[in-house]
PDB file of N, CA and C in Angstrom:
ATOM      1  N   MET A   1      38.923 158.398  70.132  1.00  0.00           N
ATOM      2  CA  MET A   1      37.813 158.236  70.931  1.00  0.00           C
ATOM      3  C   MET A   1      37.642 158.699  72.860  1.00  0.00           C
ATOM      4  N   TYR A   2      38.551 157.646  72.564  1.00  0.00           N
ATOM      5  CA  TYR A   2      38.500 158.235  73.820  1.00  0.00           C
ATOM      6  C   TYR A   2      39.246 160.245  74.544  1.00  0.00           C
ATOM      7  N   LEU A   3      40.037 161.012  73.126  1.00  0.00           N
ATOM      8  CA  LEU A   3      40.739 161.716  73.045  1.00  0.00           C
ATOM      9  C   LEU A   3      39.511 162.432  73.200  1.00  0.00           C
ATOM     10  N   GLN A   4      38.657 162.115  72.027  1.00  0.00           N
ATOM     11  CA  GLN A   4      37.615 163.544  71.483  1.00  0.00           C
ATOM     12  C   GLN A   4      36.647 163.898  73.124  1.00  0.00           C
ATOM     13  N   SER A   5      36.186 162.854  73.929  1.00  0.00           N
ATOM     14  CA  SER A   5      35.573 163.054  75.135  1.00  0.00           C
ATOM     15  C   SER A   5      36.440 163.954  76.456  1.00  0.00           C
ATOM     16  N   ALA A   6      37.502 163.418  76.043  1.00  0.00           N
ATOM     17  CA  ALA A   6      38.818 164.956  76.279  1.00  0.00           C
ATOM     18  C   ALA A   6      39.190 166.002  75.946  1.00  0.00           C
ATOM     19  N   LEU A   7      38.557 166.421  75.402  1.00  0.00           N
ATOM     20  CA  LEU A   7      38.975 167.638  74.711  1.00  0.00           C
ATOM     21  C   LEU A   7      37.172 168.284  75.062  1.00  0.00           C
ATOM     22  N   ALA A   8      36.037 166.593  74.601  1.00  0.00           N
ATOM     23  CA  ALA A   8      35.439 168.337  75.501  1.00  0.00           C
ATOM     24  C   ALA A   8      34.953 167.880  76.306  1.00  0.00           C
ATOM     25  N   SER A   9      35.355 167.365  77.960  1.00  0.00           N
ATOM     26  CA  SER A   9      35.378 167.307  78.542  1.00  0.00           C
ATOM     27  C   SER A   9      35.846 168.391  79.147  1.00  0.00           C
ATOM     28  N   ASP A  10      35.899 168.787  81.222  1.00  0.00           N
ATOM     29  CA  ASP A  10      36.901 168.916  81.385  1.00  0.00           C
ATOM     30  C   ASP A  10      37.571 168.421  82.920  1.00  0.00           C
ATOM     31  N   ARG A  11      37.633 167.240  82.761  1.00  0.00           N
ATOM     32  CA  ARG A  11      37.911 165.743  83.449  1.00  0.00           C
ATOM     33  C   ARG A  11      39.408 165.619  83.464  1.00  0.00           C
ATOM     34  N   THR A  12      39.851 165.648  82.239  1.00  0.00           N
ATOM     35  CA  THR A  12      40.944 165.500  82.721  1.00  0.00           C
ATOM     36  C   THR A  12      42.260 167.174  82.823  1.00  0.00           C
ATOM     37  N   PRO A  13      43.220 167.267  84.365  1.00  0.00           N
ATOM     38  CA  PRO A  13      43.375 168.219  83.874  1.00  0.00           C
ATOM     39  C   PRO A  13      44.774 167.470  84.262  1.00  0.00           C
ATOM     40  N   ILE A  14      45.887 168.889  83.131  1.00  0.00           N
ATOM     41  CA  ILE A  14      46.899 169.119  82.509  1.00  0.00           C
ATOM     42  C   ILE A  14      48.139 169.635  83.359  1.00  0.00           C
ATOM     43  N   ARG A  15      49.498 169.893  83.935  1.00  0.00           N
ATOM     44  CA  ARG A  15      50.317 170.817  84.013  1.00  0.00           C
ATOM     45  C   ARG A  15      51.326 171.265  82.629  1.00  0.00           C
ATOM     46  N   PRO A  16      50.974 172.102  81.832  1.00  0.00           N
ATOM     47  CA  PRO A  16      51.097 172.156  81.237  1.00  0.00           C
ATOM     48  C   PRO A  16      52.434 173.018  81.180  1.00  0.00           C
ATOM     49  N   LYS A  17      53.915 172.183  80.422  1.00  0.00           N
ATOM     50  CA  LYS A  17      55.522 172.179  80.684  1.00  0.00           C
ATOM     51  C   LYS A  17      55.330 174.223  79.467  1.00  0.00           C
ATOM     52  N   VAL A  18      56.100 174.983  80.456  1.00  0.00           N
ATOM     53  CA  VAL A  18      57.172 176.043  80.063  1.00  0.00           C
ATOM     54  C   VAL A  18      58.915 175.978  79.882  1.00  0.00           C
ATOM     55  N   ASP A  19      59.444 175.911  78.805  1.00  0.00           N
ATOM     56  CA  ASP A  19      60.829 174.824  78.467  1.00  0.00           C
ATOM     57  C   ASP A  19      61.154 177.284  77.988  1.00  0.00           C
ATOM     58  N   VAL A  20      62.359 177.647  79.575  1.00  0.00           N
ATOM     59  CA  VAL A  20      62.872 177.818  79.776  1.00  0.00           C
ATOM     60  C   VAL A  20      64.973 178.011  79.451  1.00  0.00           C
ATOM     61  N   ALA A  21      65.350 179.867  79.047  1.00  0.00           N
ATOM     62  CA  ALA A  21      66.773 179.563  78.762  1.00  0.00           C
ATOM     63  C   ALA A  21      66.939 179.906  79.836  1.00  0.00           C
ATOM     64  N   THR A  22      68.562 179.036  80.822  1.00  0.00           N
ATOM     65  CA  THR A  22      69.088 179.994  81.073  1.00  0.00           C
ATOM     66  C   THR A  22      70.234 181.026  81.063  1.00  0.00           C
ATOM     67  N   ARG A  23      70.642 181.384  82.011  1.00  0.00           N
ATOM     68  CA  ARG A  23      72.740 181.684  81.582  1.00  0.00           C
ATOM     69  C   ARG A  23      72.895 181.383  81.046  1.00  0.00           C
ATOM     70  N   GLU A  24      73.056 180.351  81.503  1.00  0.00           N
ATOM     71  CA  GLU A  24      74.470 179.071  80.938  1.00  0.00           C
ATOM     72  C   GLU A  24      74.211 178.895  78.756  1.00  0.00           C
ATOM     73  N   GLY A  25      73.008 179.039  78.879  1.00  0.00           N
ATOM     74  CA  GLY A  25      72.553 179.196  77.685  1.00  0.00           C
ATOM     75  C   GLY A  25      71.085 177.611  77.156  1.00  0.00           C
ATOM     76  N   ARG A  26      70.792 177.050  78.197  1.00  0.00           N
ATOM     77  CA  ARG A  26      70.653 175.933  77.966  1.00  0.00           C
ATOM     78  C   ARG A  26      69.514 175.853  79.010  1.00  0.00           C
ATOM     79  N   CYS A  27      67.890 175.005  78.264  1.00  0.00           N
ATOM     80  CA  CYS A  27      66.597 174.586  78.786  1.00  0.00           C
ATOM     81  C   CYS A  27      66.338 174.087  79.686  1.00  0.00           C
ATOM     82  N   ARG A  28      65.347 175.150  80.743  1.00  0.00           N
ATOM     83  CA  ARG A  28      65.310 173.961  81.691  1.00  0.00           C
ATOM     84  C   ARG A  28      63.280 173.824  81.676  1.00  0.00           C
ATOM     85  N   VAL A  29      62.836 172.927  82.039  1.00  0.00           N
ATOM     86  CA  VAL A  29      61.465 172.577  81.923  1.00  0.00           C
ATOM     87  C   VAL A  29      60.884 172.999  83.249  1.00  0.00           C
ATOM     88  N   TYR A  30      59.982 173.717  83.686  1.00  0.00           N
ATOM     89  CA  TYR A  30      58.845 173.717  84.585  1.00  0.00           C
ATOM     90  C   TYR A  30      57.198 173.792  84.829  1.00  0.00           C
ATOM     91  N   ALA A  31      57.001 172.792  85.314  1.00  0.00           N
ATOM     92  CA  ALA A  31      55.938 173.459  85.572  1.00  0.00           C
ATOM     93  C   ALA A  31      54.838 173.294  85.510  1.00  0.00           C
ATOM     94  N   GLU A  32      53.909 174.757  84.813  1.00  0.00           N
ATOM     95  CA  GLU A  32      52.578 175.494  85.313  1.00  0.00           C
ATOM     96  C   GLU A  32      52.084 175.283  86.545  1.00  0.00           C
ATOM     97  N   PRO A  33      52.182 176.745  87.670  1.00  0.00           N
ATOM     98  CA  PRO A  33      51.686 175.588  88.728  1.00  0.00           C
ATOM     99  C   PRO A  33      49.680 174.982  88.932  1.00  0.00           C
ATOM    100  N   LYS A  34      49.527 176.334  87.622  1.00  0.00           N
ATOM    101  CA  LYS A  34      47.555 175.727  87.929  1.00  0.00           C
ATOM    102  C   LYS A  34      47.110 174.790  87.066  1.00  0.00           C
ATOM    103  N   GLU A  35      46.584 172.837  87.815  1.00  0.00           N
ATOM    104  CA  GLU A  35      45.757 171.946  85.882  1.00  0.00           C
ATOM    105  C   GLU A  35      44.862 173.023  86.140  1.00  0.00           C
ATOM    106  N   ARG A  36      44.555 172.559  84.131  1.00  0.00           N
ATOM    107  CA  ARG A  36      43.991 173.118  83.521  1.00  0.00           C
ATOM    108  C   ARG A  36      43.807 171.257  82.519  1.00  0.00           C
ATOM    109  N   PRO A  37      42.365 171.695  82.554  1.00  0.00           N
ATOM    110  CA  PRO A  37      41.858 170.474  81.577  1.00  0.00           C
ATOM    111  C   PRO A  37      42.545 170.775  80.058  1.00  0.00           C
ATOM    112  N   PHE A  38      42.099 169.325  79.280  1.00  0.00           N
ATOM    113  CA  PHE A  38      43.373 169.835  78.095  1.00  0.00           C
ATOM    114  C   PHE A  38      42.039 170.720  77.238  1.00  0.00           C
ATOM    115  N   SER A  39      40.932 170.016  77.319  1.00  0.00           N
ATOM    116  CA  SER A  39      40.208 170.776  76.059  1.00  0.00           C
ATOM    117  C   SER A  39      40.137 173.342  76.605  1.00  0.00           C
ATOM    118  N   LYS A  40      40.905 173.254  77.473  1.00  0.00           N
ATOM    119  CA  LYS A  40      41.445 175.061  77.750  1.00  0.00           C
ATOM    120  C   LYS A  40      43.545 175.380  76.691  1.00  0.00           C
ATOM    121  N   LEU A  41      43.230 174.440  76.587  1.00  0.00           N
ATOM    122  CA  LEU A  41      45.260 174.465  76.793  1.00  0.00           C
ATOM    123  C   LEU A  41      45.543 174.792  75.487  1.00  0.00           C
ATOM    124  N   PRO A  42      46.108 176.444  75.072  1.00  0.00           N
ATOM    125  CA  PRO A  42      46.147 176.697  73.360  1.00  0.00           C
ATOM    126  C   PRO A  42      47.184 175.404  72.967  1.00  0.00           C
ATOM    127  N   ASN A  43      47.338 174.930  71.532  1.00  0.00           N
ATOM    128  CA  ASN A  43      48.014 174.239  70.621  1.00  0.00           C
ATOM    129  C   ASN A  43      48.807 174.230  70.701  1.00  0.00           C
ATOM    130  N   ASN A  44      49.824 175.427  71.074  1.00  0.00           N
ATOM    131  CA  ASN A  44      51.599 175.396  70.913  1.00  0.00           C
ATOM    132  C   ASN A  44      52.023 174.342  72.988  1.00  0.00           C
ATOM    133  N   ALA A  45      50.754 174.087  73.890  1.00  0.00           N
ATOM    134  CA  ALA A  45      51.310 173.847  74.540  1.00  0.00           C
ATOM    135  C   ALA A  45      51.850 172.579  75.145  1.00  0.00           C
ATOM    136  N   LEU A  46      52.464 173.228  75.872  1.00  0.00           N
ATOM    137  CA  LEU A  46      53.898 171.165  75.619  1.00  0.00           C
ATOM    138  C   LEU A  46      53.365 170.392  76.408  1.00  0.00           C
ATOM    139  N   LEU A  47      52.877 168.733  76.892  1.00  0.00           N
ATOM    140  CA  LEU A  47      52.557 168.328  77.203  1.00  0.00           C
ATOM    141  C   LEU A  47      53.678 167.076  78.011  1.00  0.00           C
ATOM    142  N   ASP A  48      54.809 166.594  78.899  1.00  0.00           N
ATOM    143  CA  ASP A  48      55.184 165.675  78.734  1.00  0.00           C
ATOM    144  C   ASP A  48      55.281 163.749  78.627  1.00  0.00           C
ATOM    145  N   THR A  49      55.807 163.292  78.468  1.00  0.00           N
ATOM    146  CA  THR A  49      54.994 161.492  78.705  1.00  0.00           C
ATOM    147  C   THR A  49      54.435 161.111  79.896  1.00  0.00           C
ATOM    148  N   GLY A  50      54.372 161.513  80.678  1.00  0.00           N
ATOM    149  CA  GLY A  50      53.412 161.429  81.815  1.00  0.00           C
ATOM    150  C   GLY A  50      51.449 162.406  81.644  1.00  0.00           C
ATOM    151  N   ASP A  51      51.051 163.543  80.786  1.00  0.00           N
ATOM    152  CA  ASP A  51      51.233 163.932  80.639  1.00  0.00           C
ATOM    153  C   ASP A  51      49.589 163.769  79.652  1.00  0.00           C
ATOM    154  N   ILE A  52      49.955 162.790  78.814  1.00  0.00           N
ATOM    155  CA  ILE A  52      49.743 161.789  77.730  1.00  0.00           C
ATOM    156  C   ILE A  52      49.237 160.518  77.678  1.00  0.00           C
ATOM    157  N   GLY A  53      50.388 160.089  78.865  1.00  0.00           N
ATOM    158  CA  GLY A  53      49.499 158.686  79.564  1.00  0.00           C
ATOM    159  C   GLY A  53      48.815 158.969  80.080  1.00  0.00           C
ATOM    160  N   ARG A  54      48.356 160.265  80.522  1.00  0.00           N
ATOM    161  CA  ARG A  54      47.652 160.580  81.758  1.00  0.00           C
ATOM    162  C   ARG A  54      45.935 160.578  81.379  1.00  0.00           C
ATOM    163  N   LEU A  55      45.985 161.103  79.555  1.00  0.00           N
ATOM    164  CA  LEU A  55      45.345 161.368  78.756  1.00  0.00           C
ATOM    165  C   LEU A  55      44.626 160.618  78.164  1.00  0.00           C
ATOM    166  N   LEU A  56      45.288 159.507  77.309  1.00  0.00           N
ATOM    167  CA  LEU A  56      45.225 158.603  77.241  1.00  0.00           C
ATOM    168  C   LEU A  56      45.014 157.144  77.859  1.00  0.00           C
ATOM    169  N   GLY A  57      45.641 157.597  78.771  1.00  0.00           N
ATOM    170  CA  GLY A  57      45.351 155.566  79.361  1.00  0.00           C
ATOM    171  C   GLY A  57      46.295 154.386  79.663  1.00  0.00           C
ATOM    172  N   ALA A  58      47.464 155.529  79.487  1.00  0.00           N
ATOM    173  CA  ALA A  58      48.241 154.509  79.264  1.00  0.00           C
ATOM    174  C   ALA A  58      49.323 154.819  80.144  1.00  0.00           C
ATOM    175  N   ALA A  59      50.715 153.503  80.548  1.00  0.00           N
ATOM    176  CA  ALA A  59      51.701 154.175  81.285  1.00  0.00           C
ATOM    177  C   ALA A  59      53.105 154.827  80.992  1.00  0.00           C
ATOM    178  N   PRO A  60      53.363 155.447  80.832  1.00  0.00           N
ATOM    179  CA  PRO A  60      54.272 156.642  80.373  1.00  0.00           C
ATOM    180  C   PRO A  60      55.312 155.818  79.828  1.00  0.00           C
ATOM    181  N   ARG A  61      55.435 154.397  79.751  1.00  0.00           N
ATOM    182  CA  ARG A  61      56.447 153.389  79.138  1.00  0.00           C
ATOM    183  C   ARG A  61      55.971 153.392  77.853  1.00  0.00           C
ATOM    184  N   THR A  62      54.715 153.360  77.397  1.00  0.00           N
ATOM    185  CA  THR A  62      54.104 153.211  76.301  1.00  0.00           C
ATOM    186  C   THR A  62      53.575 153.372  75.910  1.00  0.00           C
ATOM    187  N   VAL A  63      53.917 154.927  76.110  1.00  0.00           N
ATOM    188  CA  VAL A  63      54.321 156.554  75.204  1.00  0.00           C
ATOM    189  C   VAL A  63      55.190 156.374  74.829  1.00  0.00           C
ATOM    190  N   TYR A  64      56.401 155.510  75.449  1.00  0.00           N
ATOM    191  CA  TYR A  64      58.033 155.234  74.676  1.00  0.00           C
ATOM    192  C   TYR A  64      57.983 155.002  74.209  1.00  0.00           C
ATOM    193  N   ARG A  65      57.301 154.064  74.255  1.00  0.00           N
ATOM    194  CA  ARG A  65      57.324 152.658  72.798  1.00  0.00           C
ATOM    195  C   ARG A  65      56.634 153.381  71.930  1.00  0.00           C
ATOM    196  N   TRP A  66      54.794 153.903  72.143  1.00  0.00           N
ATOM    197  CA  TRP A  66      54.639 154.256  70.148  1.00  0.00           C
ATOM    198  C   TRP A  66      55.698 155.667  70.200  1.00  0.00           C
ATOM    199  N   ILE A  67      56.245 155.685  70.667  1.00  0.00           N
ATOM    200  CA  ILE A  67      57.489 157.103  70.446  1.00  0.00           C
ATOM    201  C   ILE A  67      58.288 156.702  69.625  1.00  0.00           C
ATOM    202  N   LYS A  68      58.726 155.049  69.064  1.00  0.00           N
ATOM    203  CA  LYS A  68      59.310 154.328  68.555  1.00  0.00           C
ATOM    204  C   LYS A  68      59.348 153.427  67.388  1.00  0.00           C
ATOM    205  N   GLU A  69      57.388 152.941  67.835  1.00  0.00           N
ATOM    206  CA  GLU A  69      57.208 152.156  67.353  1.00  0.00           C
ATOM    207  C   GLU A  69      56.208 152.642  65.776  1.00  0.00           C
ATOM    208  N   TYR A  70      55.304 153.733  66.721  1.00  0.00           N
ATOM    209  CA  TYR A  70      53.853 154.609  66.680  1.00  0.00           C
ATOM    210  C   TYR A  70      54.037 156.372  65.799  1.00  0.00           C
ATOM    211  N   ASN A  71      54.936 156.494  65.754  1.00  0.00           N
ATOM    212  CA  ASN A  71      55.973 158.604  65.067  1.00  0.00           C
ATOM    213  C   ASN A  71      55.355 158.392  65.491  1.00  0.00           C
ATOM    214  N   LEU A  72      54.970 158.898  66.537  1.00  0.00           N
ATOM    215  CA  LEU A  72      54.845 159.497  67.335  1.00  0.00           C
ATOM    216  C   LEU A  72      56.413 160.422  68.130  1.00  0.00           C
ATOM    217  N   ASN A  73      55.778 162.212  67.382  1.00  0.00           N
ATOM    218  CA  ASN A  73      57.168 162.894  67.215  1.00  0.00           C
ATOM    219  C   ASN A  73      57.555 164.020  68.888  1.00  0.00           C
ATOM    220  N   PRO A  74      58.096 163.254  69.005  1.00  0.00           N
ATOM    221  CA  PRO A  74      58.187 164.412  70.494  1.00  0.00           C
ATOM    222  C   PRO A  74      58.749 166.125  69.480  1.00  0.00           C
ATOM    223  N   THR A  75      58.411 166.819  70.042  1.00  0.00           N
ATOM    224  CA  THR A  75      58.991 168.669  69.669  1.00  0.00           C
ATOM    225  C   THR A  75      59.826 168.492  70.186  1.00  0.00           C
ATOM    226  N   VAL A  76      60.537 168.467  71.354  1.00  0.00           N
ATOM    227  CA  VAL A  76      61.828 168.558  71.223  1.00  0.00           C
ATOM    228  C   VAL A  76      62.675 167.547  72.240  1.00  0.00           C
ATOM    229  N   LYS A  77      63.490 167.415  73.354  1.00  0.00           N
ATOM    230  CA  LYS A  77      64.300 166.849  74.187  1.00  0.00           C
ATOM    231  C   LYS A  77      64.963 167.817  74.762  1.00  0.00           C
ATOM    232  N   ILE A  78      64.774 167.866  75.695  1.00  0.00           N
ATOM    233  CA  ILE A  78      65.129 168.302  77.415  1.00  0.00           C
ATOM    234  C   ILE A  78      65.526 167.365  78.510  1.00  0.00           C
ATOM    235  N   GLY A  79      67.083 167.556  78.203  1.00  0.00           N
ATOM    236  CA  GLY A  79      67.543 166.140  78.731  1.00  0.00           C
ATOM    237  C   GLY A  79      67.392 165.024  78.630  1.00  0.00           C
ATOM    238  N   ARG A  80      66.648 163.669  79.412  1.00  0.00           N
ATOM    239  CA  ARG A  80      65.960 162.564  79.850  1.00  0.00           C
ATOM    240  C   ARG A  80      64.218 163.766  79.406  1.00  0.00           C
ATOM    241  N   GLU A  81      63.633 163.850  78.663  1.00  0.00           N
ATOM    242  CA  GLU A  81      62.434 164.103  79.090  1.00  0.00           C
ATOM    243  C   GLU A  81      61.669 164.827  77.961  1.00  0.00           C
ATOM    244  N   TYR A  82      61.082 164.161  77.266  1.00  0.00           N
ATOM    245  CA  TYR A  82      60.616 164.433  76.302  1.00  0.00           C
ATOM    246  C   TYR A  82      59.398 165.229  76.207  1.00  0.00           C
ATOM    247  N   LEU A  83      59.174 166.775  74.986  1.00  0.00           N
ATOM    248  CA  LEU A  83      57.584 167.031  75.116  1.00  0.00           C
ATOM    249  C   LEU A  83      57.077 167.440  73.725  1.00  0.00           C
ATOM    250  N   PHE A  84      55.580 167.107  74.022  1.00  0.00           N
ATOM    251  CA  PHE A  84      55.218 167.541  72.767  1.00  0.00           C
ATOM    252  C   PHE A  84      54.254 168.980  72.242  1.00  0.00           C
ATOM    253  N   ARG A  85      54.163 169.221  71.685  1.00  0.00           N
ATOM    254  CA  ARG A  85      53.028 170.086  71.125  1.00  0.00           C
ATOM    255  C   ARG A  85      50.927 169.357  70.507  1.00  0.00           C
ATOM    256  N   LYS A  86      50.250 169.740  71.763  1.00  0.00           N
ATOM    257  CA  LYS A  86      49.704 169.742  71.603  1.00  0.00           C
ATOM    258  C   LYS A  86      48.604 169.195  70.219  1.00  0.00           C
ATOM    259  N   SER A  87      48.457 170.027  70.083  1.00  0.00           N
ATOM    260  CA  SER A  87      48.311 170.070  68.820  1.00  0.00           C
ATOM    261  C   SER A  87      49.559 168.813  67.630  1.00  0.00           C
ATOM    262  N   GLU A  88      50.464 169.033  67.570  1.00  0.00           N
ATOM    263  CA  GLU A  88      50.409 167.662  67.212  1.00  0.00           C
ATOM    264  C   GLU A  88      50.229 166.242  68.214  1.00  0.00           C
ATOM    265  N   ILE A  89      50.287 165.886  69.375  1.00  0.00           N
ATOM    266  CA  ILE A  89      49.378 164.813  69.794  1.00  0.00           C
ATOM    267  C   ILE A  89      47.455 164.416  69.175  1.00  0.00           C
ATOM    268  N   ILE A  90      47.096 165.888  69.019  1.00  0.00           N
ATOM    269  CA  ILE A  90      45.647 165.373  68.184  1.00  0.00           C
ATOM    270  C   ILE A  90      46.205 164.616  67.058  1.00  0.00           C
ATOM    271  N   ARG A  91      47.031 165.389  66.314  1.00  0.00           N
ATOM    272  CA  ARG A  91      47.286 164.271  64.606  1.00  0.00           C
ATOM    273  C   ARG A  91      48.060 163.701  64.549  1.00  0.00           C
ATOM    274  N   TRP A  92      48.326 163.056  65.614  1.00  0.00           N
ATOM    275  CA  TRP A  92      49.279 162.207  65.565  1.00  0.00           C
ATOM    276  C   TRP A  92      47.970 160.946  65.761  1.00  0.00           C
ATOM    277  N   TYR A  93      47.442 161.098  66.918  1.00  0.00           N
ATOM    278  CA  TYR A  93      45.997 160.272  67.414  1.00  0.00           C
ATOM    279  C   TYR A  93      44.731 160.237  66.230  1.00  0.00           C
ATOM    280  N   GLU A  94      44.650 160.743  65.558  1.00  0.00           N
ATOM    281  CA  GLU A  94      43.515 161.507  64.208  1.00  0.00           C
ATOM    282  C   GLU A  94      44.768 160.258  63.036  1.00  0.00           C
ATOM    283  N   ASN A  95      45.336 160.244  63.480  1.00  0.00           N
ATOM    284  CA  ASN A  95      45.597 159.584  61.872  1.00  0.00           C
ATOM    285  C   ASN A  95      47.280 158.401  61.809  1.00  0.00           C
ATOM    286  N   ASP A  96      47.601 158.358  63.273  1.00  0.00           N
ATOM    287  CA  ASP A  96      48.853 157.265  63.277  1.00  0.00           C
ATOM    288  C   ASP A  96      48.865 157.382  64.279  1.00  0.00           C
ATOM    289  N   ARG A  97      47.960 156.839  65.556  1.00  0.00           N
ATOM    290  CA  ARG A  97      47.840 156.131  66.652  1.00  0.00           C
ATOM    291  C   ARG A  97      47.839 155.018  65.581  1.00  0.00           C
ATOM    292  N   PRO A  98      48.238 154.070  67.264  1.00  0.00           N
ATOM    293  CA  PRO A  98      47.823 152.192  67.356  1.00  0.00           C
ATOM    294  C   PRO A  98      45.709 151.732  67.672  1.00  0.00           C
ATOM    295  N   VAL A  99      45.651 151.086  66.737  1.00  0.00           N
ATOM    296  CA  VAL A  99      43.654 150.436  66.525  1.00  0.00           C
ATOM    297  C   VAL A  99      43.648 149.467  67.437  1.00  0.00           C
ATOM    298  N   MET A 100      43.592 149.500  68.643  1.00  0.00           N
ATOM    299  CA  MET A 100      43.244 148.166  69.491  1.00  0.00           C
ATOM    300  C   MET A 100      42.802 146.802  69.552  1.00  0.00           C
ATOM    301  N   GLY A 101      43.176 145.711  69.503  1.00  0.00           N
ATOM    302  CA  GLY A 101      42.103 144.696  69.618  1.00  0.00           C
ATOM    303  C   GLY A 101      43.004 143.777  68.485  1.00  0.00           C
ATOM    304  N   ARG A 102      42.114 142.961  67.824  1.00  0.00           N
ATOM    305  CA  ARG A 102      42.687 142.320  67.229  1.00  0.00           C
ATOM    306  C   ARG A 102      42.756 142.358  65.594  1.00  0.00           C
ATOM    307  N   PRO A 103      44.118 142.392  64.691  1.00  0.00           N
ATOM    308  CA  PRO A 103      43.864 142.527  63.059  1.00  0.00           C
ATOM    309  C   PRO A 103      43.244 141.840  63.413  1.00  0.00           C
ATOM    310  N   ARG A 104      42.718 143.249  61.616  1.00  0.00           N
ATOM    311  CA  ARG A 104      41.667 141.862  60.283  1.00  0.00           C
ATOM    312  C   ARG A 104      41.614 141.111  59.879  1.00  0.00           C
ATOM    313  N   LEU A 105      41.153 139.780  59.832  1.00  0.00           N
ATOM    314  CA  LEU A 105      42.008 139.528  58.453  1.00  0.00           C
ATOM    315  C   LEU A 105      41.582 139.024  56.994  1.00  0.00           C
TER     316      LEU A 105
END
């Protein structure tokens, strides 16, 4: 529900990440300097746990719990940072996200 409104509105600024290979063969992650709304990002844009938390109104620690318990699969892990594609976040939200509230009896 919230994600759909975030897709429709331009109020959730995100700084997409770019992974760059270094001379040593390692990858480094850089944030693009300009913030863009989630709705304007391409489907292959990379987002980190902070971006997902800001988008869904959750703490980064909650995002780590979703990775462990609710089948939120990162695209890549570079160092300590998990990165996700926008298309994967949308798929997870529509199919596997946790449902808030009391369980049905």
